[in-house]
Protein backbone atom coordinates (compact mmCIF):
# COMPACT_ATOMS: atom_id res chain seq x y z
CA UNK A 1 122.53 131.50 4.94
CA UNK A 2 123.69 130.23 1.53
CA UNK A 3 126.47 131.93 -0.03
CA UNK A 4 126.93 132.09 -4.18
CA UNK A 5 130.10 130.46 -4.90
CA UNK A 6 132.70 131.72 -7.25
CA UNK A 7 131.60 129.14 -10.11
CA UNK A 8 127.90 130.94 -10.30
CA UNK A 9 129.52 134.26 -11.16
CA UNK A 10 132.49 133.68 -13.35
CA UNK A 11 132.23 135.61 -16.73
CA UNK A 12 136.03 135.37 -17.95
CA UNK A 13 137.21 133.18 -20.67
CA UNK A 14 139.50 131.20 -18.44
CA UNK A 15 137.37 129.42 -16.30
CA UNK A 16 140.44 127.37 -14.95
CA UNK A 17 142.00 129.87 -13.12
CA UNK A 18 140.47 130.78 -9.56
CA UNK A 19 141.96 134.57 -9.78
CA UNK A 20 140.18 135.38 -13.22
CA UNK A 21 137.94 138.48 -13.14
CA UNK A 22 134.22 137.97 -11.96
CA UNK A 23 131.20 140.21 -11.69
CA UNK A 24 129.70 140.19 -8.18
CA UNK A 25 126.43 141.62 -7.14
CA UNK A 26 126.90 144.53 -4.64
CA UNK A 27 123.80 143.73 -2.82
CA UNK A 28 124.31 140.22 -2.39
CA UNK A 29 126.11 138.73 0.54
CA UNK A 30 129.54 137.30 -0.68
CA UNK A 31 132.50 136.20 1.19
CA UNK A 32 135.75 138.40 0.73
CA UNK A 33 138.22 137.15 -1.71
CA UNK A 34 141.93 137.88 -2.10
CA UNK A 35 143.47 138.28 -5.41
CA UNK A 36 147.18 138.41 -6.18
CA UNK A 37 146.43 141.09 -8.95
CA UNK A 38 146.26 144.71 -7.10
CA UNK A 39 144.19 146.02 -10.12
CA UNK A 40 141.45 143.72 -9.15
CA UNK A 41 139.52 144.51 -6.07
CA UNK A 42 137.64 141.92 -4.61
CA UNK A 43 137.31 142.93 -1.04
CA UNK A 44 134.31 143.76 0.97
CA UNK A 45 134.46 147.53 0.37
CA UNK A 46 132.82 146.58 -3.13
CA UNK A 47 129.37 145.84 -1.72
CA UNK A 48 126.64 148.02 -0.14
CA UNK A 49 125.96 145.34 2.34
CA UNK A 50 128.89 143.68 4.41
CA UNK A 51 129.34 140.50 2.86
CA UNK A 52 129.19 137.58 5.48
CA UNK A 53 129.19 133.69 5.27
CA UNK A 54 127.45 131.12 7.48
CA UNK A 55 130.69 130.89 9.27
CA UNK A 56 130.82 134.54 9.93
CA UNK A 57 127.29 134.52 11.24
CA UNK A 58 128.07 131.78 13.62
CA UNK A 59 131.27 133.50 14.74
CA UNK A 60 129.66 136.81 15.10
CA UNK A 61 126.73 135.13 17.25
CA UNK A 62 129.24 133.33 19.69
CA UNK A 63 130.39 136.88 20.60
CA UNK A 64 128.62 138.61 23.65
CA UNK A 65 128.12 141.87 21.94
CA UNK A 66 127.12 140.29 18.58
CA UNK A 67 124.70 138.03 20.50
CA UNK A 68 122.98 141.32 21.77
CA UNK A 69 123.30 142.90 18.37
CA UNK A 70 121.85 139.81 16.65
CA UNK A 71 118.82 139.55 19.06
CA UNK A 72 118.09 143.43 18.63
CA UNK A 73 118.14 143.07 14.99
CA UNK A 74 115.98 140.08 15.20
CA UNK A 75 113.57 142.33 17.52
CA UNK A 76 113.61 145.10 14.91
CA UNK A 77 112.92 142.76 12.11
CA UNK A 78 110.16 140.76 13.90
CA UNK A 79 107.89 142.89 16.38
CA UNK A 80 106.35 139.72 17.51
CA UNK A 81 109.63 138.68 18.73
CA UNK A 82 109.82 141.65 21.39
CA UNK A 83 106.16 140.53 22.54
CA UNK A 84 107.40 137.16 22.76
CA UNK A 85 110.42 137.99 24.73
CA UNK A 86 108.23 140.24 27.00
CA UNK A 87 105.75 137.48 27.51
CA UNK A 88 108.58 135.01 28.45
CA UNK A 89 110.11 137.35 30.86
CA UNK A 90 106.74 138.05 32.60
CA UNK A 91 106.37 134.37 32.68
CA UNK A 92 109.74 133.74 34.07
CA UNK A 93 109.08 136.48 36.77
CA UNK A 94 105.79 134.74 37.57
CA UNK A 95 107.46 131.56 37.95
CA UNK A 96 110.44 133.08 40.05
CA UNK A 97 107.55 134.57 42.17
CA UNK A 98 106.13 131.35 42.63
CA UNK A 99 109.21 129.62 43.32
CA UNK A 100 109.94 132.28 45.98
CA UNK A 101 106.61 131.69 47.42
CA UNK A 102 107.19 127.81 47.33
CA UNK A 103 110.38 128.39 49.18
CA UNK A 104 108.85 130.28 51.81
CA UNK A 105 106.15 127.79 52.04
CA UNK A 106 108.79 125.24 52.33
CA UNK A 107 110.53 126.94 55.24
CA UNK A 108 107.41 127.38 56.98
CA UNK A 109 106.59 123.65 56.62
CA UNK A 110 109.89 122.65 57.71
CA UNK A 111 109.55 125.19 60.86
CA UNK A 112 105.96 123.61 61.52
CA UNK A 113 107.60 120.19 61.12
CA UNK A 114 110.39 120.97 63.72
CA UNK A 115 107.74 122.25 66.18
CA UNK A 116 105.49 119.20 65.58
CA UNK A 117 108.57 116.99 66.09
CA UNK A 118 109.58 118.67 69.24
CA UNK A 119 106.04 118.54 70.77
CA UNK A 120 105.98 114.78 69.66
CA UNK A 121 109.25 114.32 71.59
CA UNK A 122 108.10 116.22 74.56
CA UNK A 123 104.72 114.22 74.49
CA UNK A 124 106.78 110.95 74.24
CA UNK A 125 108.91 112.02 77.19
CA UNK A 126 105.80 113.08 79.39
CA UNK A 127 104.03 109.71 78.48
CA UNK A 128 107.18 107.74 79.25
CA UNK A 129 107.63 109.64 82.80
CA UNK A 130 103.83 109.02 83.59
CA UNK A 131 104.27 105.55 82.63
CA UNK A 132 107.47 105.34 84.67
CA UNK A 133 105.73 106.82 87.71
CA UNK A 134 102.83 104.48 87.69
CA UNK A 135 105.20 101.64 87.20
CA UNK A 136 107.15 102.79 90.47
CA UNK A 137 103.84 103.50 92.08
CA UNK A 138 102.83 99.79 91.28
CA UNK A 139 106.28 98.49 92.33
CA UNK A 140 105.92 100.43 95.67
CA UNK A 141 102.33 99.21 96.24
CA UNK A 142 103.46 95.57 95.23
CA UNK A 143 106.38 95.82 97.61
CA UNK A 144 103.93 97.17 100.54
CA UNK A 145 101.59 93.95 99.60
CA UNK A 146 104.42 91.86 99.88
CA UNK A 147 105.57 93.25 103.07
CA UNK A 148 102.07 92.75 104.64
CA UNK A 149 102.06 89.21 103.35
CA UNK A 150 105.35 88.55 104.62
CA UNK A 151 104.46 90.06 108.00
CA UNK A 152 101.11 88.02 108.25
CA UNK A 153 102.98 84.90 107.04
CA UNK A 154 105.39 85.29 109.98
CA UNK A 155 102.40 85.95 112.44
CA UNK A 156 100.84 82.88 111.36
CA UNK A 157 104.17 80.81 111.57
CA UNK A 158 105.03 82.23 115.00
CA UNK A 159 101.41 81.39 116.08
CA UNK A 160 102.05 77.90 114.74
CA UNK A 161 105.10 77.80 116.52
CA UNK A 162 103.47 78.52 119.90
CA UNK A 163 100.60 76.32 119.29
CA UNK A 164 103.14 73.40 118.51
CA UNK A 165 105.16 74.20 121.63
CA UNK A 166 101.98 74.34 123.94
CA UNK A 167 100.76 71.20 122.17
CA UNK A 168 104.05 69.40 123.23
CA UNK A 169 104.07 71.08 126.48
CA UNK A 170 100.58 69.74 126.95
CA UNK A 171 101.51 66.15 125.71
CA UNK A 172 104.58 66.40 128.18
CA UNK A 173 102.34 67.54 131.13
CA UNK A 174 99.89 64.56 130.20
CA UNK A 175 102.71 61.91 130.10
CA UNK A 176 104.06 63.43 133.54
CA UNK A 177 100.49 63.20 135.14
CA UNK A 178 100.06 59.77 133.88
CA UNK A 179 103.12 58.53 135.42
CA UNK A 180 102.57 60.49 138.49
CA UNK A 181 99.05 58.90 138.80
CA UNK A 182 100.71 55.41 138.15
CA UNK A 183 103.15 55.79 140.82
CA UNK A 184 100.69 56.95 143.40
CA UNK A 185 98.35 54.43 142.61
CA UNK A 186 101.46 51.64 142.93
CA UNK A 187 102.63 53.33 146.17
CA UNK A 188 98.95 53.51 147.57
CA UNK A 189 98.65 49.93 146.89
CA UNK A 190 101.72 48.82 148.47
CA UNK A 191 100.53 50.76 151.50
CA UNK A 192 97.21 49.15 151.45
CA UNK A 193 99.25 45.71 151.27
CA UNK A 194 101.34 46.56 154.14
CA UNK A 195 98.44 47.62 156.39
CA UNK A 196 96.44 44.33 155.53
CA UNK A 197 99.44 42.35 156.41
CA UNK A 198 99.53 44.33 159.83
CA UNK A 199 95.89 43.83 160.23
CA UNK A 200 95.00 47.37 159.96
CA UNK A 201 92.19 48.00 157.67
CA UNK A 202 91.02 51.28 156.16
CA UNK A 203 87.82 52.57 156.64
CA UNK A 204 85.78 53.26 153.34
CA UNK A 205 84.84 56.88 152.90
CA UNK A 206 82.27 58.08 150.41
CA UNK A 207 83.46 61.38 149.28
CA UNK A 208 80.50 63.95 148.52
CA UNK A 209 80.13 65.17 144.98
CA UNK A 210 80.82 68.60 145.69
CA UNK A 211 84.22 67.84 147.09
CA UNK A 212 84.78 65.85 143.74
CA UNK A 213 83.64 69.06 141.77
CA UNK A 214 85.75 71.38 143.85
CA UNK A 215 88.93 69.10 143.08
CA UNK A 216 88.42 69.22 139.60
CA UNK A 217 88.08 73.17 139.69
CA UNK A 218 91.45 73.33 141.51
CA UNK A 219 93.02 71.28 138.82
CA UNK A 220 91.58 73.44 136.09
CA UNK A 221 92.82 76.65 138.03
CA UNK A 222 96.45 74.85 138.05
CA UNK A 223 96.47 74.09 134.50
CA UNK A 224 95.25 77.55 133.52
CA UNK A 225 98.02 79.04 135.55
CA UNK A 226 100.54 76.68 134.06
CA UNK A 227 99.70 77.95 130.58
CA UNK A 228 100.01 81.54 131.70
CA UNK A 229 103.52 80.77 133.13
CA UNK A 230 104.26 79.45 129.63
CA UNK A 231 103.22 82.46 127.78
CA UNK A 232 105.07 84.69 129.84
């Protein structure tokens, strides 16, 4: 707000003194002045409207009550101002309602997120338990197969050991029979030589085929009994 200065209203002859008499417009806002001369009244009571300056306006607006009074004066001077304030208040209330709804929606979303995260965690645990169970079952089945394979290997090794032992026994029996046969032949040859020196001759006897077959049969029976003895 522009305030007329002292220079604009001076009418006295001596313009060099700041305390000279001046004429002020009573309806114009002008700052109060102080004079040393009590005959000259230059106070705010001379004006119909309270004189103010730009500093006074800013100071009054800084006070809470003055602010409200200032807004009320503005509202009375400008009817559109009240409508604008009302419209802004409505928009503010609408924004507050929208913010409240957004806040509620955010809370619901967070709650749904927590529920989904819990469901996901439970699903992960369930899947992990299933995979662990399947893995354990597979390990159990693998262990069973391994045990069966080891048992079969042991059986095969045992059979191989028995077969090797029987083969060694047969070889030993063969060697024994060969040696015994050679000894019998040598003994029989010595006996024949002694008998020939004594002049005794042995009559040749032709054995029938059935006796030869019977002798082979008894030999086979003896060998089979020998196998049974080895198994036991």
